[in-house]
């Protein structure tokens, strides 16, 4: 994924997910934020990416897999927080194509 980046708003009760494109130093929003588990964020992002034929299939698949990874990490962190264990940004293994906001 050269130019696509997953923007994550990490909240206690939900996870906001949006896709941005980095072009020549500019960040261009490609999707709105979708909040999971309030909505079917993965499906909504897939639909939006499918409507942009200029995004290669391989990048779409990688990004959607990344969305699943973030969702799994968020669920895991909620389980850990219920056990009074704090989750730190350094412990997340999501890669360079993810910007996380709201996690200390």
PDB file of N, CA and C in Angstrom:
ATOM      1  N   UNK A   1       0.849  -1.164   0.000  1.00  0.00           N
ATOM      2  CA  UNK A   1       0.000   0.000   0.000  1.00  0.00           C
ATOM      3  C   UNK A   1       0.897   1.230   0.000  1.00  0.00           C
ATOM      4  N   UNK A   2       1.062   1.779  -1.139  1.00  0.00           N
ATOM      5  CA  UNK A   2       1.952   2.914  -1.272  1.00  0.00           C
ATOM      6  C   UNK A   2       1.332   4.197  -0.775  1.00  0.00           C
ATOM      7  N   UNK A   3       0.101   4.465  -1.160  1.00  0.00           N
ATOM      8  CA  UNK A   3      -0.466   5.775  -0.875  1.00  0.00           C
ATOM      9  C   UNK A   3      -1.672   5.741   0.058  1.00  0.00           C
ATOM     10  N   UNK A   4      -2.204   4.572   0.348  1.00  0.00           N
ATOM     11  CA  UNK A   4      -3.390   4.491   1.205  1.00  0.00           C
ATOM     12  C   UNK A   4      -2.992   4.313   2.658  1.00  0.00           C
ATOM     13  N   UNK A   5      -3.718   4.995   3.531  1.00  0.00           N
ATOM     14  CA  UNK A   5      -3.436   4.903   4.952  1.00  0.00           C
ATOM     15  C   UNK A   5      -4.754   4.775   5.705  1.00  0.00           C
ATOM     16  N   UNK A   6      -4.762   3.898   6.680  1.00  0.00           N
ATOM     17  CA  UNK A   6      -5.933   3.701   7.520  1.00  0.00           C
ATOM     18  C   UNK A   6      -5.834   4.653   8.707  1.00  0.00           C
ATOM     19  N   UNK A   7      -6.833   5.497   8.877  1.00  0.00           N
ATOM     20  CA  UNK A   7      -6.908   6.424  10.003  1.00  0.00           C
ATOM     21  C   UNK A   7      -7.816   5.790  11.041  1.00  0.00           C
ATOM     22  N   UNK A   8      -7.326   5.668  12.266  1.00  0.00           N
ATOM     23  CA  UNK A   8      -8.065   4.983  13.325  1.00  0.00           C
ATOM     24  C   UNK A   8      -8.313   5.938  14.481  1.00  0.00           C
ATOM     25  N   UNK A   9      -9.550   6.051  14.880  1.00  0.00           N
ATOM     26  CA  UNK A   9      -9.922   6.792  16.072  1.00  0.00           C
ATOM     27  C   UNK A   9     -10.240   5.747  17.134  1.00  0.00           C
ATOM     28  N   UNK A  10      -9.332   5.589  18.087  1.00  0.00           N
ATOM     29  CA  UNK A  10      -9.387   4.520  19.082  1.00  0.00           C
ATOM     30  C   UNK A  10     -10.134   5.036  20.309  1.00  0.00           C
ATOM     31  N   UNK A  11     -11.350   4.602  20.505  1.00  0.00           N
ATOM     32  CA  UNK A  11     -12.186   5.035  21.622  1.00  0.00           C
ATOM     33  C   UNK A  11     -12.477   3.857  22.540  1.00  0.00           C
ATOM     34  N   UNK A  12     -12.970   4.153  23.732  1.00  0.00           N
ATOM     35  CA  UNK A  12     -13.297   3.080  24.680  1.00  0.00           C
ATOM     36  C   UNK A  12     -14.445   2.211  24.201  1.00  0.00           C
ATOM     37  N   UNK A  13     -15.474   2.847  23.621  1.00  0.00           N
ATOM     38  CA  UNK A  13     -16.675   2.086  23.279  1.00  0.00           C
ATOM     39  C   UNK A  13     -16.820   1.782  21.791  1.00  0.00           C
ATOM     40  N   UNK A  14     -15.965   2.363  20.964  1.00  0.00           N
ATOM     41  CA  UNK A  14     -16.038   2.085  19.533  1.00  0.00           C
ATOM     42  C   UNK A  14     -14.706   2.409  18.870  1.00  0.00           C
ATOM     43  N   UNK A  15     -14.645   2.064  17.624  1.00  0.00           N
ATOM     44  CA  UNK A  15     -13.439   2.232  16.824  1.00  0.00           C
ATOM     45  C   UNK A  15     -13.836   2.961  15.548  1.00  0.00           C
ATOM     46  N   UNK A  16     -13.271   4.143  15.320  1.00  0.00           N
ATOM     47  CA  UNK A  16     -13.549   4.886  14.101  1.00  0.00           C
ATOM     48  C   UNK A  16     -12.512   4.551  13.050  1.00  0.00           C
ATOM     49  N   UNK A  17     -12.943   4.211  11.844  1.00  0.00           N
ATOM     50  CA  UNK A  17     -12.044   3.799  10.768  1.00  0.00           C
ATOM     51  C   UNK A  17     -12.332   4.609   9.515  1.00  0.00           C
ATOM     52  N   UNK A  18     -11.273   5.158   8.928  1.00  0.00           N
ATOM     53  CA  UNK A  18     -11.398   5.921   7.685  1.00  0.00           C
ATOM     54  C   UNK A  18     -10.155   5.650   6.842  1.00  0.00           C
ATOM     55  N   UNK A  19     -10.274   5.876   5.538  1.00  0.00           N
ATOM     56  CA  UNK A  19      -9.151   5.672   4.623  1.00  0.00           C
ATOM     57  C   UNK A  19      -8.756   7.020   4.028  1.00  0.00           C
ATOM     58  N   UNK A  20      -7.464   7.289   4.060  1.00  0.00           N
ATOM     59  CA  UNK A  20      -6.899   8.494   3.460  1.00  0.00           C
ATOM     60  C   UNK A  20      -5.899   8.097   2.391  1.00  0.00           C
ATOM     61  N   UNK A  21      -5.646   9.019   1.498  1.00  0.00           N
ATOM     62  CA  UNK A  21      -4.617   8.816   0.479  1.00  0.00           C
ATOM     63  C   UNK A  21      -3.563   9.898   0.665  1.00  0.00           C
ATOM     64  N   UNK A  22      -2.305   9.482   0.686  1.00  0.00           N
ATOM     65  CA  UNK A  22      -1.192  10.424   0.743  1.00  0.00           C
ATOM     66  C   UNK A  22      -0.679  10.632  -0.665  1.00  0.00           C
ATOM     67  N   UNK A  23      -0.763  11.878  -1.140  1.00  0.00           N
ATOM     68  CA  UNK A  23      -0.319  12.209  -2.487  1.00  0.00           C
ATOM     69  C   UNK A  23       0.530  13.469  -2.434  1.00  0.00           C
ATOM     70  N   UNK A  24       1.781  13.343  -2.818  1.00  0.00           N
ATOM     71  CA  UNK A  24       2.682  14.492  -2.864  1.00  0.00           C
ATOM     72  C   UNK A  24       2.651  15.297  -1.572  1.00  0.00           C
ATOM     73  N   UNK A  25       2.685  14.609  -0.449  1.00  0.00           N
ATOM     74  CA  UNK A  25       2.698  15.270   0.838  1.00  0.00           C
ATOM     75  C   UNK A  25       1.353  15.732   1.342  1.00  0.00           C
ATOM     76  N   UNK A  26       0.307  15.574   0.564  1.00  0.00           N
ATOM     77  CA  UNK A  26      -1.041  15.945   0.977  1.00  0.00           C
ATOM     78  C   UNK A  26      -1.815  14.708   1.424  1.00  0.00           C
ATOM     79  N   UNK A  27      -2.680  14.907   2.388  1.00  0.00           N
ATOM     80  CA  UNK A  27      -3.556  13.830   2.842  1.00  0.00           C
ATOM     81  C   UNK A  27      -4.953  14.132   2.333  1.00  0.00           C
ATOM     82  N   UNK A  28      -5.491  13.199   1.548  1.00  0.00           N
ATOM     83  CA  UNK A  28      -6.816  13.356   0.962  1.00  0.00           C
ATOM     84  C   UNK A  28      -7.737  12.286   1.550  1.00  0.00           C
ATOM     85  N   UNK A  29      -8.808  12.694   2.243  1.00  0.00           N
ATOM     86  CA  UNK A  29      -9.742  11.697   2.761  1.00  0.00           C
ATOM     87  C   UNK A  29     -10.477  10.991   1.620  1.00  0.00           C
ATOM     88  N   UNK A  30     -10.466   9.659   1.648  1.00  0.00           N
ATOM     89  CA  UNK A  30     -11.195   8.877   0.639  1.00  0.00           C
ATOM     90  C   UNK A  30     -12.526   8.372   1.158  1.00  0.00           C
ATOM     91  N   UNK A  31     -12.633   8.206   2.476  1.00  0.00           N
ATOM     92  CA  UNK A  31     -13.884   7.734   3.067  1.00  0.00           C
ATOM     93  C   UNK A  31     -14.206   8.573   4.298  1.00  0.00           C
ATOM     94  N   UNK A  32     -15.434   8.483   4.711  1.00  0.00           N
ATOM     95  CA  UNK A  32     -15.839   9.041   5.999  1.00  0.00           C
ATOM     96  C   UNK A  32     -15.349   8.096   7.083  1.00  0.00           C
ATOM     97  N   UNK A  33     -15.475   8.526   8.327  1.00  0.00           N
ATOM     98  CA  UNK A  33     -15.220   7.608   9.437  1.00  0.00           C
ATOM     99  C   UNK A  33     -16.421   6.697   9.588  1.00  0.00           C
ATOM    100  N   UNK A  34     -16.145   5.425   9.785  1.00  0.00           N
ATOM    101  CA  UNK A  34     -17.183   4.448  10.108  1.00  0.00           C
ATOM    102  C   UNK A  34     -16.845   3.882  11.471  1.00  0.00           C
ATOM    103  N   UNK A  35     -17.854   3.823  12.331  1.00  0.00           N
ATOM    104  CA  UNK A  35     -17.619   3.411  13.704  1.00  0.00           C
ATOM    105  C   UNK A  35     -18.099   1.993  13.933  1.00  0.00           C
ATOM    106  N   UNK A  36     -17.193   1.197  14.426  1.00  0.00           N
ATOM    107  CA  UNK A  36     -17.435  -0.210  14.691  1.00  0.00           C
ATOM    108  C   UNK A  36     -17.341  -0.422  16.188  1.00  0.00           C
ATOM    109  N   UNK A  37     -18.177  -1.189  16.818  1.00  0.00           N
ATOM    110  CA  UNK A  37     -19.178  -2.109  16.307  1.00  0.00           C
ATOM    111  C   UNK A  37     -20.553  -1.485  16.101  1.00  0.00           C
ATOM    112  N   UNK A  38     -20.648  -0.166  16.164  1.00  0.00           N
ATOM    113  CA  UNK A  38     -21.931   0.508  15.950  1.00  0.00           C
ATOM    114  C   UNK A  38     -22.469   0.220  14.550  1.00  0.00           C
ATOM    115  N   UNK A  39     -21.577   0.208  13.558  1.00  0.00           N
ATOM    116  CA  UNK A  39     -21.981  -0.075  12.179  1.00  0.00           C
ATOM    117  C   UNK A  39     -21.090  -1.172  11.607  1.00  0.00           C
ATOM    118  N   UNK A  40     -21.421  -1.601  10.434  1.00  0.00           N
ATOM    119  CA  UNK A  40     -20.628  -2.607   9.733  1.00  0.00           C
ATOM    120  C   UNK A  40     -19.487  -1.903   8.994  1.00  0.00           C
ATOM    121  N   UNK A  41     -18.520  -1.415   9.746  1.00  0.00           N
ATOM    122  CA  UNK A  41     -17.442  -0.587   9.188  1.00  0.00           C
ATOM    123  C   UNK A  41     -16.679  -1.296   8.079  1.00  0.00           C
ATOM    124  N   UNK A  42     -16.377  -2.572   8.253  1.00  0.00           N
ATOM    125  CA  UNK A  42     -15.607  -3.293   7.234  1.00  0.00           C
ATOM    126  C   UNK A  42     -16.367  -3.298   5.910  1.00  0.00           C
ATOM    127  N   UNK A  43     -17.648  -3.607   5.963  1.00  0.00           N
ATOM    128  CA  UNK A  43     -18.475  -3.638   4.752  1.00  0.00           C
ATOM    129  C   UNK A  43     -18.564  -2.262   4.106  1.00  0.00           C
ATOM    130  N   UNK A  44     -18.721  -1.227   4.915  1.00  0.00           N
ATOM    131  CA  UNK A  44     -18.836   0.118   4.380  1.00  0.00           C
ATOM    132  C   UNK A  44     -17.533   0.562   3.705  1.00  0.00           C
ATOM    133  N   UNK A  45     -16.411   0.250   4.331  1.00  0.00           N
ATOM    134  CA  UNK A  45     -15.114   0.595   3.723  1.00  0.00           C
ATOM    135  C   UNK A  45     -14.899  -0.211   2.443  1.00  0.00           C
ATOM    136  N   UNK A  46     -15.250  -1.494   2.468  1.00  0.00           N
ATOM    137  CA  UNK A  46     -15.119  -2.311   1.257  1.00  0.00           C
ATOM    138  C   UNK A  46     -15.940  -1.723   0.123  1.00  0.00           C
ATOM    139  N   UNK A  47     -17.156  -1.326   0.411  1.00  0.00           N
ATOM    140  CA  UNK A  47     -18.028  -0.741  -0.608  1.00  0.00           C
ATOM    141  C   UNK A  47     -17.403   0.533  -1.182  1.00  0.00           C
ATOM    142  N   UNK A  48     -16.889   1.386  -0.323  1.00  0.00           N
ATOM    143  CA  UNK A  48     -16.273   2.630  -0.790  1.00  0.00           C
ATOM    144  C   UNK A  48     -15.020   2.361  -1.625  1.00  0.00           C
ATOM    145  N   UNK A  49     -14.191   1.430  -1.191  1.00  0.00           N
ATOM    146  CA  UNK A  49     -12.978   1.115  -1.960  1.00  0.00           C
ATOM    147  C   UNK A  49     -13.337   0.496  -3.313  1.00  0.00           C
ATOM    148  N   UNK A  50     -14.367  -0.349  -3.329  1.00  0.00           N
ATOM    149  CA  UNK A  50     -14.793  -0.961  -4.591  1.00  0.00           C
ATOM    150  C   UNK A  50     -15.325   0.076  -5.574  1.00  0.00           C
ATOM    151  N   UNK A  51     -15.812   1.194  -5.058  1.00  0.00           N
ATOM    152  CA  UNK A  51     -16.343   2.238  -5.940  1.00  0.00           C
ATOM    153  C   UNK A  51     -15.238   3.123  -6.536  1.00  0.00           C
ATOM    154  N   UNK A  52     -14.006   2.835  -6.172  1.00  0.00           N
ATOM    155  CA  UNK A  52     -12.864   3.603  -6.688  1.00  0.00           C
ATOM    156  C   UNK A  52     -11.997   2.661  -7.539  1.00  0.00           C
ATOM    157  N   UNK A  53     -12.317   2.539  -8.818  1.00  0.00           N
ATOM    158  CA  UNK A  53     -11.640   1.551  -9.672  1.00  0.00           C
ATOM    159  C   UNK A  53     -10.157   1.819  -9.875  1.00  0.00           C
ATOM    160  N   UNK A  54      -9.682   2.988  -9.569  1.00  0.00           N
ATOM    161  CA  UNK A  54      -8.272   3.304  -9.741  1.00  0.00           C
ATOM    162  C   UNK A  54      -7.403   2.724  -8.626  1.00  0.00           C
ATOM    163  N   UNK A  55      -8.039   2.210  -7.547  1.00  0.00           N
ATOM    164  CA  UNK A  55      -7.273   1.558  -6.477  1.00  0.00           C
ATOM    165  C   UNK A  55      -7.071   0.102  -6.870  1.00  0.00           C
ATOM    166  N   UNK A  56      -5.811  -0.344  -6.977  1.00  0.00           N
ATOM    167  CA  UNK A  56      -5.555  -1.733  -7.359  1.00  0.00           C
ATOM    168  C   UNK A  56      -6.172  -2.730  -6.370  1.00  0.00           C
ATOM    169  N   UNK A  57      -6.639  -3.839  -6.899  1.00  0.00           N
ATOM    170  CA  UNK A  57      -7.281  -4.881  -6.086  1.00  0.00           C
ATOM    171  C   UNK A  57      -6.384  -5.301  -4.922  1.00  0.00           C
ATOM    172  N   UNK A  58      -5.105  -5.451  -5.175  1.00  0.00           N
ATOM    173  CA  UNK A  58      -4.170  -5.883  -4.130  1.00  0.00           C
ATOM    174  C   UNK A  58      -4.149  -4.888  -2.959  1.00  0.00           C
ATOM    175  N   UNK A  59      -4.177  -3.608  -3.260  1.00  0.00           N
ATOM    176  CA  UNK A  59      -4.196  -2.597  -2.202  1.00  0.00           C
ATOM    177  C   UNK A  59      -5.505  -2.628  -1.421  1.00  0.00           C
ATOM    178  N   UNK A  60      -6.609  -2.850  -2.126  1.00  0.00           N
ATOM    179  CA  UNK A  60      -7.899  -2.941  -1.439  1.00  0.00           C
ATOM    180  C   UNK A  60      -7.910  -4.101  -0.463  1.00  0.00           C
ATOM    181  N   UNK A  61      -7.410  -5.246  -0.910  1.00  0.00           N
ATOM    182  CA  UNK A  61      -7.375  -6.439  -0.055  1.00  0.00           C
ATOM    183  C   UNK A  61      -6.463  -6.196   1.147  1.00  0.00           C
ATOM    184  N   UNK A  62      -5.284  -5.609   0.924  1.00  0.00           N
ATOM    185  CA  UNK A  62      -4.369  -5.330   2.025  1.00  0.00           C
ATOM    186  C   UNK A  62      -4.997  -4.390   3.044  1.00  0.00           C
ATOM    187  N   UNK A  63      -5.670  -3.367   2.561  1.00  0.00           N
ATOM    188  CA  UNK A  63      -6.279  -2.403   3.461  1.00  0.00           C
ATOM    189  C   UNK A  63      -7.417  -3.039   4.256  1.00  0.00           C
ATOM    190  N   UNK A  64      -8.242  -3.836   3.605  1.00  0.00           N
ATOM    191  CA  UNK A  64      -9.340  -4.504   4.318  1.00  0.00           C
ATOM    192  C   UNK A  64      -8.806  -5.504   5.335  1.00  0.00           C
ATOM    193  N   UNK A  65      -7.716  -6.173   5.021  1.00  0.00           N
ATOM    194  CA  UNK A  65      -7.077  -7.063   6.004  1.00  0.00           C
ATOM    195  C   UNK A  65      -6.558  -6.262   7.192  1.00  0.00           C
ATOM    196  N   UNK A  66      -6.038  -5.088   6.920  1.00  0.00           N
ATOM    197  CA  UNK A  66      -5.556  -4.209   7.972  1.00  0.00           C
ATOM    198  C   UNK A  66      -6.705  -3.757   8.872  1.00  0.00           C
ATOM    199  N   UNK A  67      -7.858  -3.488   8.278  1.00  0.00           N
ATOM    200  CA  UNK A  67      -9.044  -3.122   9.059  1.00  0.00           C
ATOM    201  C   UNK A  67      -9.387  -4.257  10.030  1.00  0.00           C
ATOM    202  N   UNK A  68      -9.352  -5.485   9.555  1.00  0.00           N
ATOM    203  CA  UNK A  68      -9.635  -6.643  10.414  1.00  0.00           C
ATOM    204  C   UNK A  68      -8.604  -6.738  11.532  1.00  0.00           C
ATOM    205  N   UNK A  69      -7.330  -6.519  11.216  1.00  0.00           N
ATOM    206  CA  UNK A  69      -6.280  -6.558  12.242  1.00  0.00           C
ATOM    207  C   UNK A  69      -6.518  -5.515  13.327  1.00  0.00           C
ATOM    208  N   UNK A  70      -6.889  -4.302  12.915  1.00  0.00           N
ATOM    209  CA  UNK A  70      -7.156  -3.233  13.885  1.00  0.00           C
ATOM    210  C   UNK A  70      -8.357  -3.600  14.757  1.00  0.00           C
ATOM    211  N   UNK A  71      -9.408  -4.135  14.140  1.00  0.00           N
ATOM    212  CA  UNK A  71     -10.589  -4.543  14.907  1.00  0.00           C
ATOM    213  C   UNK A  71     -10.218  -5.611  15.934  1.00  0.00           C
ATOM    214  N   UNK A  72      -9.403  -6.572  15.517  1.00  0.00           N
ATOM    215  CA  UNK A  72      -8.984  -7.632  16.442  1.00  0.00           C
ATOM    216  C   UNK A  72      -8.146  -7.076  17.589  1.00  0.00           C
ATOM    217  N   UNK A  73      -7.228  -6.152  17.288  1.00  0.00           N
ATOM    218  CA  UNK A  73      -6.405  -5.528  18.333  1.00  0.00           C
ATOM    219  C   UNK A  73      -7.288  -4.747  19.306  1.00  0.00           C
ATOM    220  N   UNK A  74      -8.281  -4.037  18.772  1.00  0.00           N
ATOM    221  CA  UNK A  74      -9.177  -3.257  19.623  1.00  0.00           C
ATOM    222  C   UNK A  74      -9.961  -4.179  20.556  1.00  0.00           C
ATOM    223  N   UNK A  75     -10.498  -5.277  20.011  1.00  0.00           N
ATOM    224  CA  UNK A  75     -11.231  -6.229  20.844  1.00  0.00           C
ATOM    225  C   UNK A  75     -10.322  -6.818  21.919  1.00  0.00           C
ATOM    226  N   UNK A  76      -9.106  -7.139  21.543  1.00  0.00           N
ATOM    227  CA  UNK A  76      -8.144  -7.690  22.499  1.00  0.00           C
ATOM    228  C   UNK A  76      -7.853  -6.676  23.601  1.00  0.00           C
ATOM    229  N   UNK A  77      -7.701  -5.411  23.228  1.00  0.00           N
ATOM    230  CA  UNK A  77      -7.414  -4.379  24.231  1.00  0.00           C
ATOM    231  C   UNK A  77      -8.580  -4.206  25.195  1.00  0.00           C
ATOM    232  N   UNK A  78      -9.795  -4.345  24.689  1.00  0.00           N
ATOM    233  CA  UNK A  78     -10.966  -4.237  25.568  1.00  0.00           C
ATOM    234  C   UNK A  78     -10.990  -5.383  26.566  1.00  0.00           C
ATOM    235  N   UNK A  79     -10.610  -6.571  26.133  1.00  0.00           N
ATOM    236  CA  UNK A  79     -10.535  -7.718  27.041  1.00  0.00           C
ATOM    237  C   UNK A  79      -9.478  -7.464  28.103  1.00  0.00           C
ATOM    238  N   UNK A  80      -8.327  -6.940  27.667  1.00  0.00           N
ATOM    239  CA  UNK A  80      -7.254  -6.649  28.616  1.00  0.00           C
ATOM    240  C   UNK A  80      -7.651  -5.540  29.580  1.00  0.00           C
ATOM    241  N   UNK A  81      -8.361  -4.518  29.097  1.00  0.00           N
ATOM    242  CA  UNK A  81      -8.763  -3.422  29.981  1.00  0.00           C
ATOM    243  C   UNK A  81      -9.783  -3.902  31.011  1.00  0.00           C
ATOM    244  N   UNK A  82     -10.585  -4.893  30.650  1.00  0.00           N
ATOM    245  CA  UNK A  82     -11.517  -5.478  31.615  1.00  0.00           C
ATOM    246  C   UNK A  82     -10.762  -6.240  32.701  1.00  0.00           C
ATOM    247  N   UNK A  83      -9.544  -6.665  32.351  1.00  0.00           N
ATOM    248  CA  UNK A  83      -8.691  -7.353  33.327  1.00  0.00           C
ATOM    249  C   UNK A  83      -7.740  -6.372  34.005  1.00  0.00           C
ATOM    250  N   UNK A  84      -8.013  -5.060  33.869  1.00  0.00           N
ATOM    251  CA  UNK A  84      -7.195  -3.991  34.451  1.00  0.00           C
ATOM    252  C   UNK A  84      -5.760  -4.002  33.943  1.00  0.00           C
ATOM    253  N   UNK A  85      -5.572  -4.339  32.683  1.00  0.00           N
ATOM    254  CA  UNK A  85      -4.263  -4.284  32.045  1.00  0.00           C
ATOM    255  C   UNK A  85      -4.302  -3.160  31.031  1.00  0.00           C
ATOM    256  N   UNK A  86      -3.342  -2.244  31.095  1.00  0.00           N
ATOM    257  CA  UNK A  86      -3.302  -1.088  30.201  1.00  0.00           C
ATOM    258  C   UNK A  86      -2.657  -1.473  28.869  1.00  0.00           C
ATOM    259  N   UNK A  87      -3.225  -1.026  27.761  1.00  0.00           N
ATOM    260  CA  UNK A  87      -2.671  -1.276  26.438  1.00  0.00           C
ATOM    261  C   UNK A  87      -1.916  -0.037  25.996  1.00  0.00           C
ATOM    262  N   UNK A  88      -0.678  -0.214  25.569  1.00  0.00           N
ATOM    263  CA  UNK A  88       0.153   0.893  25.108  1.00  0.00           C
ATOM    264  C   UNK A  88       0.282   0.851  23.595  1.00  0.00           C
ATOM    265  N   UNK A  89       0.482   2.009  22.993  1.00  0.00           N
ATOM    266  CA  UNK A  89       0.630   2.095  21.539  1.00  0.00           C
ATOM    267  C   UNK A  89       1.767   1.204  21.071  1.00  0.00           C
ATOM    268  N   UNK A  90       2.865   1.168  21.812  1.00  0.00           N
ATOM    269  CA  UNK A  90       4.034   0.388  21.399  1.00  0.00           C
ATOM    270  C   UNK A  90       3.727  -1.101  21.275  1.00  0.00           C
ATOM    271  N   UNK A  91       2.708  -1.566  22.008  1.00  0.00           N
ATOM    272  CA  UNK A  91       2.389  -2.994  21.984  1.00  0.00           C
ATOM    273  C   UNK A  91       1.568  -3.390  20.762  1.00  0.00           C
ATOM    274  N   UNK A  92       1.031  -2.406  20.039  1.00  0.00           N
ATOM    275  CA  UNK A  92       0.239  -2.710  18.854  1.00  0.00           C
ATOM    276  C   UNK A  92       1.162  -2.943  17.665  1.00  0.00           C
ATOM    277  N   UNK A  93       0.852  -3.963  16.893  1.00  0.00           N
ATOM    278  CA  UNK A  93       1.671  -4.307  15.734  1.00  0.00           C
ATOM    279  C   UNK A  93       0.848  -4.131  14.468  1.00  0.00           C
ATOM    280  N   UNK A  94       0.595  -2.882  14.116  1.00  0.00           N
ATOM    281  CA  UNK A  94      -0.281  -2.618  12.997  1.00  0.00           C
ATOM    282  C   UNK A  94       0.462  -2.102  11.759  1.00  0.00           C
ATOM    283  N   UNK A  95       1.664  -1.642  11.900  1.00  0.00           N
ATOM    284  CA  UNK A  95       2.448  -1.232  10.752  1.00  0.00           C
ATOM    285  C   UNK A  95       2.375   0.251  10.434  1.00  0.00           C
ATOM    286  N   UNK A  96       3.139   0.655   9.432  1.00  0.00           N
ATOM    287  CA  UNK A  96       3.274   2.079   9.092  1.00  0.00           C
ATOM    288  C   UNK A  96       2.072   2.674   8.349  1.00  0.00           C
ATOM    289  N   UNK A  97       1.174   1.859   7.874  1.00  0.00           N
ATOM    290  CA  UNK A  97       0.032   2.366   7.110  1.00  0.00           C
ATOM    291  C   UNK A  97      -1.190   2.618   7.978  1.00  0.00           C
ATOM    292  N   UNK A  98      -0.951   2.750   9.296  1.00  0.00           N
ATOM    293  CA  UNK A  98      -2.054   2.995  10.218  1.00  0.00           C
ATOM    294  C   UNK A  98      -1.682   4.185  11.100  1.00  0.00           C
ATOM    295  N   UNK A  99      -2.570   5.172  11.157  1.00  0.00           N
ATOM    296  CA  UNK A  99      -2.442   6.295  12.087  1.00  0.00           C
ATOM    297  C   UNK A  99      -3.498   6.106  13.155  1.00  0.00           C
ATOM    298  N   UNK A 100      -3.053   6.050  14.421  1.00  0.00           N
ATOM    299  CA  UNK A 100      -3.973   5.839  15.533  1.00  0.00           C
ATOM    300  C   UNK A 100      -4.106   7.130  16.329  1.00  0.00           C
ATOM    301  N   UNK A 101      -5.349   7.537  16.567  1.00  0.00           N
ATOM    302  CA  UNK A 101      -5.643   8.719  17.366  1.00  0.00           C
ATOM    303  C   UNK A 101      -6.456   8.283  18.570  1.00  0.00           C
ATOM    304  N   UNK A 102      -6.124   8.799  19.750  1.00  0.00           N
ATOM    305  CA  UNK A 102      -6.938   8.541  20.922  1.00  0.00           C
ATOM    306  C   UNK A 102      -6.455   7.411  21.803  1.00  0.00           C
ATOM    307  N   UNK A 103      -5.278   6.889  21.537  1.00  0.00           N
ATOM    308  CA  UNK A 103      -4.736   5.806  22.352  1.00  0.00           C
ATOM    309  C   UNK A 103      -3.469   6.305  23.002  1.00  0.00           C
ATOM    310  N   UNK A 104      -3.382   6.194  24.313  1.00  0.00           N
ATOM    311  CA  UNK A 104      -2.177   6.671  24.997  1.00  0.00           C
ATOM    312  C   UNK A 104      -1.267   5.523  25.366  1.00  0.00           C
TER     313      UNK A 104
END
